[in-house]
Amino acid sequence: MTEPAADTPPRRVSAAIMCAGAALACWPAVSGAQALTLGVVLGLAGANAWSGVTKPLATRLLQGSVIGLGAGMNLAAIWAVGVSGIGYTVLGIGFTFALGLWLGRRAGLPRDLAILLTSGTAICGGSAIAAVAGVLKPRPEETTVALATVFMLNAVALVVFPPLGHALGLGQHLFGLWAALAIHDTSSVVGAAASYGEEALKVATTVKLARALWIAPLALLIGWAVRRFVHEEGKTAGRVAVPWFIFGFLAVAALVTAMPPLVAPGRAVFVVARQSLVVTLFLIGANLSRGALKAVGVRPLVVGVALWLSVSAATVGAILAGWIR
């Protein structure tokens, strides 16, 4: 039997620590960023005694969480907002992907990691990364690094966006648009907009939720593109499975929208799914090892920051020019 490394906890201690961490991640007061951070700390400390179990479990739990999130979507209301802004949404996503993949290639990032970072920036941070990861099935460290980068930038945006909005002279409506289009996760969009004003909060929340509906077509498109065009070692066309969970997300959202009595139960399912995603982030973080992190390096962070700054500047420029209203 192979003995554990000297700098890692004994197996029983590791198991107890992992159970305690998973239980803590179930607590509603714990955010996704906090759960991911805790998981990363345990993973780097060698405390994940069940890596053979947590890796497939994280994948299954991630897919189930994405399906459950559909129960909190009102397709009719959000679709109306999405249609009105479909032009700049398509242009914005297209610009972000073109720039993100170019930056990723220039920095020498693995293909899947570049796609995850770009997806999180283009649509809605951790949720988009989770959905796309379910399609791509990248290495665990790639998903973890992409999520960590996005969560860090979310925290920065929450602090710097409101004063920047005032400095640029943005009214509440325009700031709400900017926050929804340039900040990754919905929670940070809501936080930044709430500190700016009631109208900013309403605009930002509605536009961000409408943008979140693009998760499904984006994941489907990425899955199709990888199957169709990619033929590199270990990443062949047959490697990407049919993303059934994306269809589940759409089906649940459509069911709740079509049947008003299901709205209240759907909201409860959404809350559970959101916390399930937090637990998933803990497991994803715990799957990160020191060797894998060292192999990835600082390049993903540089690419993520450069992409986010470019998208934020381009978006506020378009708003100030009157191209986005």
Protein backbone atom coordinates (compact mmCIF):
# COMPACT_ATOMS: atom_id res chain seq x y z
CA MET A 1 0.00 0.00 0.00
CA THR A 2 1.30 3.45 -0.88
CA GLU A 3 1.81 5.69 2.12
CA PRO A 4 0.46 9.25 2.00
CA ALA A 5 2.98 12.01 1.37
CA ALA A 6 4.57 13.48 4.48
CA ASP A 7 3.03 16.91 3.92
CA THR A 8 -0.54 15.66 3.47
CA PRO A 9 -3.04 14.79 6.23
CA PRO A 10 -3.74 11.11 7.08
CA ARG A 11 -6.61 9.63 5.08
CA ARG A 12 -9.11 9.57 7.96
CA VAL A 13 -8.38 13.18 8.83
CA SER A 14 -8.68 14.16 5.16
CA ALA A 15 -12.04 12.41 4.89
CA ALA A 16 -13.35 14.21 7.98
CA ILE A 17 -12.14 17.57 6.66
CA MET A 18 -13.78 17.01 3.28
CA CYS A 19 -17.10 16.04 4.89
CA ALA A 20 -17.00 19.16 7.06
CA GLY A 21 -16.21 21.34 4.04
CA ALA A 22 -19.05 19.87 1.99
CA ALA A 23 -21.46 20.38 4.90
CA LEU A 24 -20.34 23.99 5.25
CA ALA A 25 -20.91 24.56 1.52
CA CYS A 26 -24.55 23.52 2.05
CA TRP A 27 -25.08 26.48 4.37
CA PRO A 28 -26.95 29.27 2.51
CA ALA A 29 -24.72 31.97 3.98
CA VAL A 30 -21.71 30.52 2.12
CA SER A 31 -21.20 32.01 -1.34
CA GLY A 32 -19.84 30.28 -4.41
CA ALA A 33 -16.59 32.21 -4.19
CA GLN A 34 -16.12 31.20 -0.54
CA ALA A 35 -16.89 27.54 -1.26
CA LEU A 36 -14.48 27.50 -4.21
CA THR A 37 -11.77 29.13 -2.09
CA LEU A 38 -12.25 26.59 0.71
CA GLY A 39 -12.09 23.74 -1.79
CA VAL A 40 -8.92 25.10 -3.38
CA VAL A 41 -7.25 25.43 0.04
CA LEU A 42 -8.11 21.82 0.90
CA GLY A 43 -7.07 20.57 -2.53
CA LEU A 44 -3.70 22.30 -2.40
CA ALA A 45 -3.18 20.98 1.15
CA GLY A 46 -3.70 17.44 -0.09
CA ALA A 47 -6.81 17.01 2.05
CA ASN A 48 -9.04 15.55 -0.69
CA ALA A 49 -9.01 11.87 0.25
CA TRP A 50 -11.69 11.01 -2.33
CA SER A 51 -10.44 12.58 -5.57
CA GLY A 52 -11.57 9.49 -7.49
CA VAL A 53 -15.11 10.14 -6.26
CA THR A 54 -15.28 13.94 -6.12
CA LYS A 55 -14.29 14.44 -9.76
CA PRO A 56 -17.20 12.50 -11.35
CA LEU A 57 -19.54 13.67 -8.55
CA ALA A 58 -18.73 17.31 -9.30
CA THR A 59 -19.61 16.76 -12.96
CA ARG A 60 -22.97 15.14 -12.19
CA LEU A 61 -23.85 17.68 -9.51
CA LEU A 62 -22.91 20.53 -11.83
CA GLN A 63 -25.22 19.27 -14.57
CA GLY A 64 -28.11 18.74 -12.15
CA SER A 65 -27.61 22.23 -10.71
CA VAL A 66 -27.80 23.81 -14.15
CA ILE A 67 -31.11 22.03 -14.79
CA GLY A 68 -32.51 23.24 -11.48
CA LEU A 69 -31.52 26.83 -12.21
CA GLY A 70 -33.97 26.78 -15.11
CA ALA A 71 -36.83 26.63 -12.58
CA GLY A 72 -36.09 30.24 -11.60
CA MET A 73 -36.38 31.60 -15.15
CA ASN A 74 -39.45 33.33 -16.55
CA LEU A 75 -38.86 32.88 -20.26
CA ALA A 76 -41.71 35.18 -21.33
CA ALA A 77 -40.60 38.30 -19.42
CA ILE A 78 -36.90 37.81 -20.02
CA TRP A 79 -37.42 36.93 -23.68
CA ALA A 80 -39.05 40.31 -24.29
CA VAL A 81 -35.99 42.12 -22.93
CA GLY A 82 -33.66 39.77 -24.77
CA VAL A 83 -35.32 40.38 -28.12
CA SER A 84 -35.11 44.15 -27.74
CA GLY A 85 -31.38 43.94 -27.13
CA ILE A 86 -30.54 41.01 -29.37
CA GLY A 87 -28.38 43.11 -31.69
CA TYR A 88 -25.86 44.35 -29.16
CA THR A 89 -26.01 41.04 -27.30
CA VAL A 90 -24.92 39.08 -30.36
CA LEU A 91 -22.26 41.65 -31.22
CA GLY A 92 -21.01 41.72 -27.62
CA ILE A 93 -20.77 37.94 -27.32
CA GLY A 94 -19.12 37.69 -30.73
CA PHE A 95 -16.57 40.40 -29.88
CA THR A 96 -15.79 38.79 -26.52
CA PHE A 97 -15.25 35.36 -28.03
CA ALA A 98 -13.10 36.63 -30.86
CA LEU A 99 -10.89 38.61 -28.48
CA GLY A 100 -10.84 35.97 -25.73
CA LEU A 101 -9.82 33.11 -28.02
CA TRP A 102 -7.20 35.31 -29.67
CA LEU A 103 -5.75 36.31 -26.30
CA GLY A 104 -5.81 32.68 -25.21
CA ARG A 105 -3.86 31.58 -28.27
CA ARG A 106 -1.33 34.38 -27.87
CA ALA A 107 -0.80 33.42 -24.22
CA GLY A 108 -0.53 29.73 -25.07
CA LEU A 109 -3.51 28.69 -22.93
CA PRO A 110 -5.08 25.25 -23.40
CA ARG A 111 -8.08 25.44 -25.71
CA ASP A 112 -10.66 24.42 -23.10
CA LEU A 113 -9.36 26.92 -20.53
CA ALA A 114 -9.51 29.76 -23.06
CA ILE A 115 -13.10 28.80 -23.93
CA LEU A 116 -14.12 28.68 -20.26
CA LEU A 117 -12.62 32.09 -19.46
CA THR A 118 -14.22 33.61 -22.54
CA SER A 119 -17.63 32.05 -21.83
CA GLY A 120 -17.62 33.38 -18.29
CA THR A 121 -16.80 36.88 -19.52
CA ALA A 122 -19.23 36.83 -22.43
CA ILE A 123 -22.38 35.82 -20.56
CA CYS A 124 -22.65 35.32 -16.82
CA GLY A 125 -19.52 34.17 -15.10
CA GLY A 126 -19.66 31.02 -13.01
CA SER A 127 -22.99 29.78 -14.39
CA ALA A 128 -21.75 29.96 -17.98
CA ILE A 129 -18.46 28.31 -17.05
CA ALA A 130 -20.38 25.54 -15.28
CA ALA A 131 -22.63 24.89 -18.28
CA VAL A 132 -19.81 24.97 -20.82
CA ALA A 133 -17.61 22.77 -18.60
CA GLY A 134 -20.40 20.19 -18.64
CA VAL A 135 -20.15 20.11 -22.43
CA LEU A 136 -16.38 20.32 -22.85
CA LYS A 137 -15.43 18.14 -19.86
CA PRO A 138 -12.10 19.94 -19.41
CA ARG A 139 -9.42 18.99 -16.90
CA PRO A 140 -10.57 19.88 -13.34
CA GLU A 141 -7.78 22.40 -12.84
CA GLU A 142 -8.88 24.32 -15.94
CA THR A 143 -12.42 24.72 -14.60
CA THR A 144 -11.11 25.72 -11.18
CA VAL A 145 -8.71 28.35 -12.54
CA ALA A 146 -11.40 29.82 -14.81
CA LEU A 147 -13.86 30.06 -11.91
CA ALA A 148 -11.29 31.54 -9.54
CA THR A 149 -10.35 34.21 -12.09
CA VAL A 150 -13.97 35.18 -12.68
CA PHE A 151 -14.84 35.31 -8.97
CA MET A 152 -11.84 37.53 -8.25
CA LEU A 153 -12.87 39.96 -10.98
CA ASN A 154 -16.45 39.92 -9.66
CA ALA A 155 -15.20 41.13 -6.28
CA VAL A 156 -13.21 43.93 -7.95
CA ALA A 157 -16.19 45.00 -10.07
CA LEU A 158 -18.48 45.17 -7.05
CA VAL A 159 -16.20 47.81 -5.53
CA VAL A 160 -14.98 49.82 -8.53
CA PHE A 161 -18.01 49.97 -10.87
CA PRO A 162 -20.29 52.32 -8.84
CA PRO A 163 -17.65 55.08 -8.37
CA LEU A 164 -16.58 54.69 -12.01
CA GLY A 165 -20.20 55.05 -13.09
CA HIS A 166 -20.53 58.32 -11.16
CA ALA A 167 -17.20 59.57 -12.51
CA LEU A 168 -18.37 58.87 -16.08
CA GLY A 169 -21.69 60.62 -15.44
CA LEU A 170 -23.82 57.56 -16.14
CA GLY A 171 -27.47 57.79 -15.15
CA GLN A 172 -29.11 54.88 -13.39
CA HIS A 173 -30.49 53.33 -16.58
CA LEU A 174 -27.15 53.45 -18.39
CA PHE A 175 -25.23 52.21 -15.36
CA GLY A 176 -27.63 49.28 -15.06
CA LEU A 177 -26.92 48.40 -18.69
CA TRP A 178 -23.17 48.67 -18.20
CA ALA A 179 -23.19 46.54 -15.06
CA ALA A 180 -25.30 43.83 -16.73
CA LEU A 181 -23.09 43.70 -19.82
CA ALA A 182 -19.65 44.04 -18.24
CA ILE A 183 -19.78 42.28 -14.84
CA HIS A 184 -19.55 38.50 -14.89
CA ASP A 185 -21.92 37.01 -12.27
CA THR A 186 -25.53 38.01 -11.61
CA SER A 187 -24.88 38.36 -7.85
CA SER A 188 -22.17 40.98 -8.44
CA VAL A 189 -24.32 42.74 -11.04
CA VAL A 190 -27.14 43.00 -8.50
CA GLY A 191 -24.79 44.17 -5.75
CA ALA A 192 -23.17 46.90 -7.84
CA ALA A 193 -26.48 48.11 -9.28
CA ALA A 194 -28.23 48.11 -5.88
CA SER A 195 -25.61 50.50 -4.52
CA TYR A 196 -26.20 52.79 -7.50
CA GLY A 197 -29.97 53.10 -7.28
CA GLU A 198 -33.36 51.41 -7.62
CA GLU A 199 -33.72 51.98 -11.37
CA ALA A 200 -30.17 50.75 -11.98
CA LEU A 201 -31.00 47.59 -10.04
CA LYS A 202 -34.15 46.91 -12.05
CA VAL A 203 -32.47 47.45 -15.42
CA ALA A 204 -29.34 45.49 -14.51
CA THR A 205 -31.24 42.49 -13.15
CA THR A 206 -33.59 42.19 -16.13
CA VAL A 207 -30.88 42.61 -18.76
CA LYS A 208 -28.56 40.17 -16.98
CA LEU A 209 -31.24 37.49 -16.72
CA ALA A 210 -32.05 37.94 -20.40
CA ARG A 211 -28.36 37.52 -21.18
CA ALA A 212 -28.25 34.37 -19.04
CA LEU A 213 -30.65 32.67 -21.47
CA TRP A 214 -27.76 32.59 -23.95
CA ILE A 215 -26.07 29.95 -21.78
CA ALA A 216 -28.04 27.17 -23.44
CA PRO A 217 -27.42 28.06 -27.13
CA LEU A 218 -23.79 28.91 -26.34
CA ALA A 219 -23.14 25.54 -24.70
CA LEU A 220 -24.87 23.71 -27.55
CA LEU A 221 -22.88 25.67 -30.15
CA ILE A 222 -19.57 25.03 -28.39
CA GLY A 223 -20.35 21.31 -28.08
CA TRP A 224 -21.22 21.11 -31.77
CA ALA A 225 -18.13 23.06 -32.83
CA VAL A 226 -15.79 20.88 -30.80
CA ARG A 227 -17.35 17.68 -32.17
CA ARG A 228 -17.31 19.03 -35.70
CA PHE A 229 -13.95 20.74 -36.03
CA VAL A 230 -11.55 19.61 -33.31
CA HIS A 231 -9.38 16.57 -34.00
CA GLU A 232 -6.44 16.81 -31.64
CA GLU A 233 -5.03 14.10 -29.41
CA GLY A 234 -7.36 13.33 -26.52
CA LYS A 235 -9.89 15.90 -27.76
CA THR A 236 -11.44 14.12 -30.70
CA ALA A 237 -14.92 14.76 -32.03
CA GLY A 238 -16.38 11.83 -30.13
CA ARG A 239 -15.12 13.10 -26.78
CA VAL A 240 -17.88 15.66 -26.26
CA ALA A 241 -21.16 14.09 -25.16
CA VAL A 242 -24.61 15.38 -26.00
CA PRO A 243 -25.32 18.11 -23.41
CA TRP A 244 -28.63 16.67 -22.20
CA PHE A 245 -28.61 18.89 -19.13
CA ILE A 246 -28.90 22.02 -21.30
CA PHE A 247 -32.11 20.65 -22.78
CA GLY A 248 -33.22 19.93 -19.22
CA PHE A 249 -32.52 23.55 -18.26
CA LEU A 250 -34.68 24.80 -21.15
CA ALA A 251 -37.45 22.27 -20.49
CA VAL A 252 -37.73 23.18 -16.80
CA ALA A 253 -37.71 26.92 -17.58
CA ALA A 254 -40.41 26.46 -20.22
CA LEU A 255 -42.56 24.34 -17.89
CA VAL A 256 -42.46 26.88 -15.05
CA THR A 257 -43.20 29.72 -17.47
CA ALA A 258 -46.14 27.90 -19.06
CA MET A 259 -47.71 26.87 -15.73
CA PRO A 260 -48.02 29.80 -13.26
CA PRO A 261 -48.89 27.54 -10.27
CA LEU A 262 -45.36 26.12 -10.59
CA VAL A 263 -43.68 29.50 -10.07
CA ALA A 264 -43.47 29.22 -6.26
CA PRO A 265 -42.23 25.60 -6.27
CA GLY A 266 -39.91 26.52 -9.12
CA ARG A 267 -38.39 29.27 -7.01
CA ALA A 268 -37.74 26.75 -4.25
CA VAL A 269 -36.06 24.41 -6.74
CA PHE A 270 -33.97 27.33 -8.00
CA VAL A 271 -32.76 28.13 -4.47
CA VAL A 272 -31.79 24.50 -3.89
CA ALA A 273 -30.04 24.31 -7.27
CA ARG A 274 -28.13 27.52 -6.56
CA GLN A 275 -26.84 26.07 -3.29
CA SER A 276 -26.11 22.79 -5.02
CA LEU A 277 -23.92 24.77 -7.41
CA VAL A 278 -22.07 26.18 -4.38
CA VAL A 279 -21.36 22.63 -3.19
CA THR A 280 -20.22 21.79 -6.71
CA LEU A 281 -17.77 24.69 -6.64
CA PHE A 282 -16.36 23.35 -3.37
CA LEU A 283 -15.79 19.94 -4.98
CA ILE A 284 -14.25 21.48 -8.10
CA GLY A 285 -11.85 23.48 -5.95
CA ALA A 286 -10.94 20.42 -3.88
CA ASN A 287 -9.91 18.60 -7.06
CA LEU A 288 -7.12 21.10 -7.67
CA SER A 289 -3.62 19.86 -6.86
CA ARG A 290 -0.40 21.77 -6.42
CA GLY A 291 1.14 20.11 -9.47
CA ALA A 292 -1.83 21.02 -11.66
CA LEU A 293 -1.87 24.61 -10.44
CA LYS A 294 1.85 24.99 -11.08
CA ALA A 295 1.39 23.65 -14.60
CA VAL A 296 -1.35 26.20 -15.35
CA GLY A 297 0.64 29.24 -14.08
CA VAL A 298 -0.41 32.90 -14.05
CA ARG A 299 -1.27 33.21 -17.73
CA PRO A 300 -5.02 32.53 -17.28
CA LEU A 301 -5.26 35.41 -14.80
CA VAL A 302 -3.50 37.77 -17.20
CA VAL A 303 -5.79 36.73 -20.06
CA GLY A 304 -8.91 36.99 -17.87
CA VAL A 305 -8.05 40.49 -16.66
CA ALA A 306 -7.09 41.72 -20.14
CA LEU A 307 -10.31 40.35 -21.63
CA TRP A 308 -12.50 41.81 -18.87
CA LEU A 309 -10.92 45.27 -19.08
CA SER A 310 -11.32 45.28 -22.87
CA VAL A 311 -14.97 44.25 -22.72
CA SER A 312 -15.76 46.74 -19.93
CA ALA A 313 -14.10 49.62 -21.80
CA ALA A 314 -15.74 48.73 -25.12
CA THR A 315 -19.17 48.43 -23.48
CA VAL A 316 -19.06 51.75 -21.64
CA GLY A 317 -17.69 53.38 -24.79
CA ALA A 318 -20.66 52.10 -26.79
CA ILE A 319 -23.05 53.33 -24.07
CA LEU A 320 -21.50 56.80 -23.97
CA ALA A 321 -21.61 56.96 -27.77
CA GLY A 322 -25.33 56.18 -27.68
CA TRP A 323 -25.03 52.87 -29.49
CA ILE A 324 -26.51 50.94 -26.54
CA ARG A 325 -29.64 52.26 -24.80
